N, C-alpha and C. Protein backbone atom coordinates (compact mmCIF):
# COMPACT_ATOMS: atom_id res chain seq x y z
N ASP A 1 23.56 23.25 1.43
CA ASP A 1 22.64 23.72 0.41
C ASP A 1 21.47 22.76 0.28
N GLN A 2 20.44 23.17 -0.46
CA GLN A 2 19.23 22.36 -0.57
C GLN A 2 19.49 21.02 -1.26
N LEU A 3 20.29 21.04 -2.31
CA LEU A 3 20.57 19.81 -3.03
C LEU A 3 21.31 18.82 -2.13
N GLY A 4 22.28 19.32 -1.38
CA GLY A 4 23.02 18.46 -0.46
C GLY A 4 22.13 17.89 0.62
N ALA A 5 21.23 18.72 1.16
CA ALA A 5 20.31 18.25 2.20
C ALA A 5 19.39 17.19 1.63
N SER A 6 18.92 17.42 0.40
CA SER A 6 18.04 16.45 -0.23
C SER A 6 18.78 15.14 -0.46
N CYS A 7 20.01 15.25 -0.90
CA CYS A 7 20.82 14.06 -1.14
C CYS A 7 20.99 13.27 0.15
N LYS A 8 21.31 13.94 1.23
CA LYS A 8 21.56 13.25 2.50
C LYS A 8 20.30 12.62 3.06
N SER A 9 19.15 13.26 2.84
CA SER A 9 17.92 12.72 3.42
C SER A 9 17.40 11.51 2.64
N ARG A 10 17.80 11.36 1.38
CA ARG A 10 17.26 10.29 0.56
C ARG A 10 18.34 9.36 0.01
N ALA A 11 19.55 9.47 0.54
CA ALA A 11 20.62 8.67 -0.04
C ALA A 11 21.65 8.30 0.99
N SER A 12 22.49 7.37 0.60
CA SER A 12 23.65 7.01 1.38
C SER A 12 24.82 7.80 0.81
N CYS A 13 25.39 8.68 1.61
CA CYS A 13 26.45 9.56 1.12
C CYS A 13 27.77 9.22 1.78
N LYS A 14 28.83 9.29 0.99
CA LYS A 14 30.17 9.07 1.52
C LYS A 14 31.03 10.25 1.11
N GLY A 15 31.72 10.84 2.07
CA GLY A 15 32.58 11.98 1.77
C GLY A 15 34.04 11.56 1.74
N PHE A 16 34.82 12.18 0.87
CA PHE A 16 36.25 11.94 0.84
C PHE A 16 36.93 13.20 0.33
N PHE A 17 38.23 13.29 0.53
CA PHE A 17 39.00 14.45 0.10
C PHE A 17 39.89 14.05 -1.07
N THR A 18 39.95 14.93 -2.08
CA THR A 18 40.85 14.70 -3.22
C THR A 18 42.26 15.13 -2.83
N GLN A 19 43.19 14.98 -3.76
CA GLN A 19 44.58 15.33 -3.49
C GLN A 19 44.75 16.81 -3.16
N ASN A 20 43.90 17.68 -3.72
CA ASN A 20 44.02 19.10 -3.41
C ASN A 20 43.11 19.50 -2.24
N TYR A 21 42.76 18.53 -1.43
CA TYR A 21 41.98 18.74 -0.21
C TYR A 21 40.59 19.34 -0.46
N THR A 22 40.00 19.03 -1.60
CA THR A 22 38.63 19.44 -1.89
C THR A 22 37.72 18.29 -1.46
N LYS A 23 36.71 18.63 -0.65
CA LYS A 23 35.80 17.57 -0.19
C LYS A 23 34.80 17.25 -1.30
N VAL A 24 34.64 15.96 -1.53
CA VAL A 24 33.70 15.50 -2.54
C VAL A 24 32.75 14.51 -1.86
N GLU A 25 31.46 14.65 -2.15
CA GLU A 25 30.48 13.70 -1.62
C GLU A 25 29.90 12.91 -2.76
N HIS A 26 29.85 11.63 -2.57
CA HIS A 26 29.25 10.75 -3.56
C HIS A 26 27.98 10.18 -2.94
N CYS A 27 26.86 10.42 -3.59
CA CYS A 27 25.58 9.98 -3.03
C CYS A 27 24.96 8.89 -3.90
N GLN A 28 24.42 7.89 -3.24
CA GLN A 28 23.69 6.84 -3.92
C GLN A 28 22.26 6.85 -3.39
N PRO A 29 21.28 6.76 -4.30
CA PRO A 29 19.88 6.75 -3.85
C PRO A 29 19.63 5.63 -2.85
N PHE A 30 18.79 5.91 -1.87
CA PHE A 30 18.43 4.92 -0.86
C PHE A 30 17.02 4.45 -1.15
N PHE A 31 16.86 3.16 -1.38
CA PHE A 31 15.54 2.59 -1.64
C PHE A 31 15.25 1.51 -0.61
N GLN A 32 14.00 1.46 -0.20
CA GLN A 32 13.54 0.42 0.72
C GLN A 32 12.32 -0.23 0.08
N PRO A 33 12.37 -1.54 -0.18
CA PRO A 33 11.21 -2.20 -0.78
C PRO A 33 9.96 -1.99 0.09
N PRO A 34 8.80 -1.95 -0.55
CA PRO A 34 7.59 -1.73 0.22
C PRO A 34 7.22 -2.89 1.12
N THR A 35 6.64 -2.58 2.25
CA THR A 35 6.02 -3.55 3.14
C THR A 35 4.64 -3.01 3.49
N ILE A 36 3.76 -3.88 3.91
CA ILE A 36 2.38 -3.46 4.23
C ILE A 36 2.02 -3.96 5.61
N ASN A 37 1.36 -3.11 6.36
CA ASN A 37 0.79 -3.49 7.64
C ASN A 37 -0.72 -3.38 7.48
N MET A 38 -1.39 -4.53 7.37
CA MET A 38 -2.85 -4.55 7.20
C MET A 38 -3.44 -5.09 8.49
N PRO A 39 -4.12 -4.21 9.26
CA PRO A 39 -4.71 -4.70 10.50
C PRO A 39 -5.72 -5.81 10.20
N LYS A 40 -5.55 -6.95 10.84
CA LYS A 40 -6.47 -8.04 10.54
C LYS A 40 -6.51 -9.07 11.65
N LEU A 41 -7.57 -9.81 11.64
CA LEU A 41 -7.70 -11.00 12.46
C LEU A 41 -7.54 -12.17 11.49
N LYS A 42 -7.67 -13.37 11.99
CA LYS A 42 -7.56 -14.53 11.09
C LYS A 42 -8.58 -14.41 9.97
N ASP A 43 -9.82 -14.17 10.30
CA ASP A 43 -10.89 -13.94 9.33
C ASP A 43 -11.66 -12.72 9.81
N LYS A 44 -12.07 -11.87 8.88
CA LYS A 44 -12.90 -10.73 9.23
C LYS A 44 -14.34 -11.14 8.96
N LYS A 45 -15.13 -11.22 10.03
CA LYS A 45 -16.54 -11.62 9.89
C LYS A 45 -17.41 -10.38 9.90
N ILE A 46 -18.35 -10.34 8.95
CA ILE A 46 -19.23 -9.18 8.81
C ILE A 46 -20.63 -9.67 8.47
N VAL A 47 -21.62 -8.93 8.92
CA VAL A 47 -23.02 -9.31 8.73
C VAL A 47 -23.57 -8.69 7.45
N VAL A 48 -24.41 -9.45 6.72
CA VAL A 48 -25.08 -8.96 5.51
C VAL A 48 -25.74 -7.62 5.82
N GLY A 49 -25.58 -6.66 4.91
CA GLY A 49 -26.22 -5.34 5.05
C GLY A 49 -25.35 -4.32 5.76
N SER A 50 -24.27 -4.74 6.39
CA SER A 50 -23.41 -3.79 7.10
C SER A 50 -22.34 -3.22 6.16
N THR A 51 -21.45 -2.41 6.70
CA THR A 51 -20.38 -1.77 5.93
C THR A 51 -19.05 -2.43 6.22
N LEU A 52 -18.34 -2.77 5.16
CA LEU A 52 -17.03 -3.39 5.26
C LEU A 52 -15.96 -2.34 4.98
N ILE A 53 -14.99 -2.22 5.88
CA ILE A 53 -13.87 -1.30 5.67
C ILE A 53 -12.59 -2.11 5.80
N LEU A 54 -11.75 -2.05 4.76
CA LEU A 54 -10.45 -2.70 4.78
C LEU A 54 -9.38 -1.63 4.57
N GLU A 55 -8.28 -1.74 5.31
CA GLU A 55 -7.22 -0.74 5.24
C GLU A 55 -5.86 -1.41 5.04
N CYS A 56 -5.00 -0.75 4.28
CA CYS A 56 -3.61 -1.17 4.09
C CYS A 56 -2.72 0.02 4.40
N TYR A 57 -1.63 -0.22 5.11
CA TYR A 57 -0.68 0.84 5.44
C TYR A 57 0.68 0.47 4.88
N PRO A 58 1.05 1.06 3.72
CA PRO A 58 2.34 0.72 3.12
C PRO A 58 3.48 1.56 3.69
N PHE A 59 4.66 0.94 3.72
CA PHE A 59 5.88 1.62 4.14
C PHE A 59 6.95 1.32 3.10
N GLY A 60 7.89 2.24 2.91
CA GLY A 60 9.00 2.04 1.99
C GLY A 60 9.51 3.37 1.49
N LEU A 61 10.65 3.34 0.79
CA LEU A 61 11.23 4.53 0.18
C LEU A 61 11.60 4.21 -1.25
N PRO A 62 11.14 4.98 -2.23
CA PRO A 62 10.17 6.06 -2.05
C PRO A 62 8.83 5.51 -1.58
N ILE A 63 7.93 6.40 -1.17
CA ILE A 63 6.63 5.99 -0.64
C ILE A 63 5.91 5.14 -1.69
N PRO A 64 5.48 3.93 -1.30
CA PRO A 64 4.79 3.04 -2.26
C PRO A 64 3.45 3.61 -2.70
N GLU A 65 3.08 3.28 -3.93
CA GLU A 65 1.80 3.71 -4.49
C GLU A 65 0.91 2.48 -4.69
N LEU A 66 -0.40 2.70 -4.50
CA LEU A 66 -1.37 1.62 -4.68
C LEU A 66 -1.45 1.22 -6.14
N VAL A 67 -1.32 -0.06 -6.41
CA VAL A 67 -1.46 -0.59 -7.77
C VAL A 67 -2.90 -1.01 -7.99
N ARG A 68 -3.44 -1.78 -7.03
CA ARG A 68 -4.82 -2.25 -7.18
C ARG A 68 -5.32 -2.92 -5.90
N TRP A 69 -6.64 -3.04 -5.81
CA TRP A 69 -7.30 -3.88 -4.82
C TRP A 69 -7.86 -5.08 -5.59
N GLU A 70 -7.84 -6.24 -4.97
CA GLU A 70 -8.38 -7.46 -5.58
C GLU A 70 -9.33 -8.15 -4.62
N ARG A 71 -10.26 -8.93 -5.20
CA ARG A 71 -11.06 -9.87 -4.41
C ARG A 71 -10.95 -11.21 -5.13
N ASN A 72 -10.51 -12.22 -4.41
CA ASN A 72 -10.33 -13.56 -4.98
C ASN A 72 -9.47 -13.53 -6.24
N ARG A 73 -8.37 -12.78 -6.17
CA ARG A 73 -7.37 -12.66 -7.25
C ARG A 73 -7.89 -11.97 -8.51
N GLN A 74 -9.05 -11.32 -8.42
CA GLN A 74 -9.58 -10.55 -9.53
C GLN A 74 -9.56 -9.08 -9.14
N GLU A 75 -9.03 -8.22 -10.03
CA GLU A 75 -8.96 -6.80 -9.71
C GLU A 75 -10.37 -6.23 -9.53
N LEU A 76 -10.54 -5.44 -8.47
CA LEU A 76 -11.82 -4.79 -8.23
C LEU A 76 -11.96 -3.60 -9.17
N ASP A 77 -13.04 -3.56 -9.91
CA ASP A 77 -13.35 -2.43 -10.77
C ASP A 77 -14.48 -1.66 -10.10
N LEU A 78 -14.11 -0.59 -9.42
CA LEU A 78 -15.10 0.15 -8.64
C LEU A 78 -16.16 0.78 -9.54
N ASN A 79 -15.82 1.11 -10.79
CA ASN A 79 -16.81 1.69 -11.71
C ASN A 79 -17.84 0.66 -12.15
N GLU A 80 -17.41 -0.57 -12.35
CA GLU A 80 -18.30 -1.64 -12.82
C GLU A 80 -19.30 -2.03 -11.74
N LEU A 81 -18.96 -1.84 -10.50
CA LEU A 81 -19.83 -2.25 -9.40
C LEU A 81 -20.68 -1.09 -8.90
N GLY A 82 -21.26 -0.35 -9.84
CA GLY A 82 -22.01 0.86 -9.52
C GLY A 82 -23.26 0.62 -8.68
N LYS A 83 -23.80 -0.59 -8.71
CA LYS A 83 -25.01 -0.87 -7.93
C LYS A 83 -24.74 -0.84 -6.44
N LYS A 84 -23.47 -0.96 -6.07
CA LYS A 84 -23.10 -0.91 -4.67
C LYS A 84 -22.39 0.40 -4.40
N SER A 85 -22.29 0.73 -3.19
CA SER A 85 -21.55 1.93 -2.82
C SER A 85 -20.13 1.51 -2.45
N TRP A 86 -19.21 1.74 -3.38
CA TRP A 86 -17.80 1.42 -3.17
C TRP A 86 -17.04 2.72 -3.14
N SER A 87 -16.03 2.78 -2.36
CA SER A 87 -15.13 3.93 -2.44
C SER A 87 -13.73 3.47 -2.09
N GLU A 88 -12.77 4.12 -2.70
CA GLU A 88 -11.37 3.82 -2.46
C GLU A 88 -10.70 5.15 -2.15
N VAL A 89 -10.36 5.34 -0.89
CA VAL A 89 -9.76 6.59 -0.47
C VAL A 89 -8.44 6.27 0.21
N GLY A 90 -7.35 6.76 -0.38
CA GLY A 90 -6.06 6.51 0.22
C GLY A 90 -5.78 5.04 0.37
N ASN A 91 -5.63 4.60 1.60
CA ASN A 91 -5.27 3.21 1.88
C ASN A 91 -6.47 2.37 2.31
N LYS A 92 -7.67 2.86 2.01
CA LYS A 92 -8.87 2.21 2.55
C LYS A 92 -9.88 1.96 1.45
N ILE A 93 -10.57 0.82 1.55
CA ILE A 93 -11.69 0.55 0.66
C ILE A 93 -12.92 0.31 1.54
N THR A 94 -14.04 0.91 1.15
CA THR A 94 -15.28 0.81 1.92
C THR A 94 -16.37 0.23 1.01
N ILE A 95 -17.04 -0.80 1.50
CA ILE A 95 -18.14 -1.42 0.75
C ILE A 95 -19.37 -1.36 1.65
N THR A 96 -20.39 -0.65 1.20
CA THR A 96 -21.61 -0.54 2.00
C THR A 96 -22.62 -1.59 1.53
N LYS A 97 -23.55 -1.92 2.41
CA LYS A 97 -24.60 -2.88 2.13
C LYS A 97 -24.02 -4.21 1.61
N VAL A 98 -23.17 -4.79 2.41
CA VAL A 98 -22.48 -6.03 2.07
C VAL A 98 -23.48 -7.16 1.82
N THR A 99 -23.20 -7.96 0.78
CA THR A 99 -23.99 -9.16 0.48
C THR A 99 -23.04 -10.37 0.51
N LYS A 100 -23.60 -11.56 0.36
CA LYS A 100 -22.79 -12.77 0.33
C LYS A 100 -21.77 -12.73 -0.82
N PHE A 101 -22.10 -12.01 -1.90
CA PHE A 101 -21.22 -11.85 -3.05
C PHE A 101 -19.89 -11.20 -2.65
N ASP A 102 -19.89 -10.40 -1.61
CA ASP A 102 -18.70 -9.67 -1.17
C ASP A 102 -17.73 -10.53 -0.36
N GLU A 103 -18.11 -11.74 -0.06
CA GLU A 103 -17.24 -12.64 0.68
C GLU A 103 -16.04 -13.04 -0.17
N GLY A 104 -14.89 -13.22 0.47
CA GLY A 104 -13.70 -13.69 -0.25
C GLY A 104 -12.43 -13.15 0.36
N THR A 105 -11.34 -13.29 -0.39
CA THR A 105 -10.03 -12.80 0.04
C THR A 105 -9.73 -11.50 -0.67
N TYR A 106 -9.57 -10.44 0.10
CA TYR A 106 -9.25 -9.12 -0.43
C TYR A 106 -7.76 -8.89 -0.30
N ARG A 107 -7.19 -8.28 -1.33
CA ARG A 107 -5.75 -8.05 -1.34
C ARG A 107 -5.45 -6.65 -1.86
N CYS A 108 -4.53 -5.96 -1.20
CA CYS A 108 -4.05 -4.68 -1.70
C CYS A 108 -2.63 -4.90 -2.21
N VAL A 109 -2.32 -4.25 -3.33
CA VAL A 109 -1.01 -4.40 -3.96
C VAL A 109 -0.38 -3.02 -4.10
N TYR A 110 0.85 -2.89 -3.59
CA TYR A 110 1.59 -1.62 -3.64
C TYR A 110 2.93 -1.84 -4.29
N GLU A 111 3.49 -0.76 -4.89
CA GLU A 111 4.83 -0.85 -5.44
C GLU A 111 5.56 0.48 -5.32
N ASN A 112 6.89 0.39 -5.37
CA ASN A 112 7.75 1.57 -5.48
C ASN A 112 8.95 1.16 -6.33
N ALA A 113 9.92 2.04 -6.45
CA ALA A 113 11.08 1.78 -7.30
C ALA A 113 11.89 0.57 -6.83
N ALA A 114 11.72 0.16 -5.58
CA ALA A 114 12.50 -0.96 -5.03
C ALA A 114 11.76 -2.29 -5.11
N GLY A 115 10.49 -2.28 -5.50
CA GLY A 115 9.78 -3.55 -5.60
C GLY A 115 8.28 -3.43 -5.44
N MET A 116 7.63 -4.58 -5.27
CA MET A 116 6.17 -4.68 -5.14
C MET A 116 5.85 -5.63 -4.00
N THR A 117 4.73 -5.38 -3.32
CA THR A 117 4.29 -6.26 -2.25
C THR A 117 2.77 -6.23 -2.15
N SER A 118 2.23 -7.17 -1.40
CA SER A 118 0.78 -7.21 -1.19
C SER A 118 0.48 -7.81 0.17
N ASP A 119 -0.75 -7.61 0.62
CA ASP A 119 -1.22 -8.25 1.85
C ASP A 119 -2.69 -8.55 1.64
N SER A 120 -3.20 -9.52 2.36
CA SER A 120 -4.59 -9.93 2.13
C SER A 120 -5.34 -10.13 3.44
N GLN A 121 -6.67 -10.17 3.31
CA GLN A 121 -7.57 -10.34 4.43
C GLN A 121 -8.75 -11.18 3.96
N ASP A 122 -9.05 -12.27 4.65
CA ASP A 122 -10.23 -13.07 4.33
C ASP A 122 -11.44 -12.45 4.97
N VAL A 123 -12.52 -12.33 4.19
CA VAL A 123 -13.78 -11.75 4.67
C VAL A 123 -14.87 -12.81 4.57
N ILE A 124 -15.54 -13.03 5.69
CA ILE A 124 -16.65 -13.98 5.75
C ILE A 124 -17.93 -13.20 6.02
N VAL A 125 -18.91 -13.34 5.14
CA VAL A 125 -20.18 -12.64 5.27
C VAL A 125 -21.20 -13.58 5.89
N GLN A 126 -21.80 -13.14 7.02
CA GLN A 126 -22.74 -13.97 7.77
C GLN A 126 -24.16 -13.40 7.67
N ALA A 127 -25.15 -14.29 7.83
CA ALA A 127 -26.55 -13.85 7.87
C ALA A 127 -26.78 -13.03 9.11
N PRO A 128 -27.75 -12.09 9.04
CA PRO A 128 -28.02 -11.24 10.22
C PRO A 128 -28.58 -12.04 11.39
């Protein structure tokens, strides 16, 4: 049945038989703490005026959700930075017309029912 299939796909199930030979399944939810794969080099170097794209790929069960993006341990407020073109789509943040102000350590933070994790990328902004 659908409930049983759902249980098996998301849980650790153990079957046993009672004294009257009725099969009983006991299911426990399966959780995997989040991990992140952020493609990066030691430092990401970018030229003033260009576009910066940073991506995070979270894994875990249940699927981790984005908590926040940070720069230098301060949460990025995309609404406050209206003078720049910022966007946050899925697992990616895009900053157009990069300035020296955009230099720093960027971090994405994800969580699920099993825990929280983060990964970071250093960005160095260079003159053209």
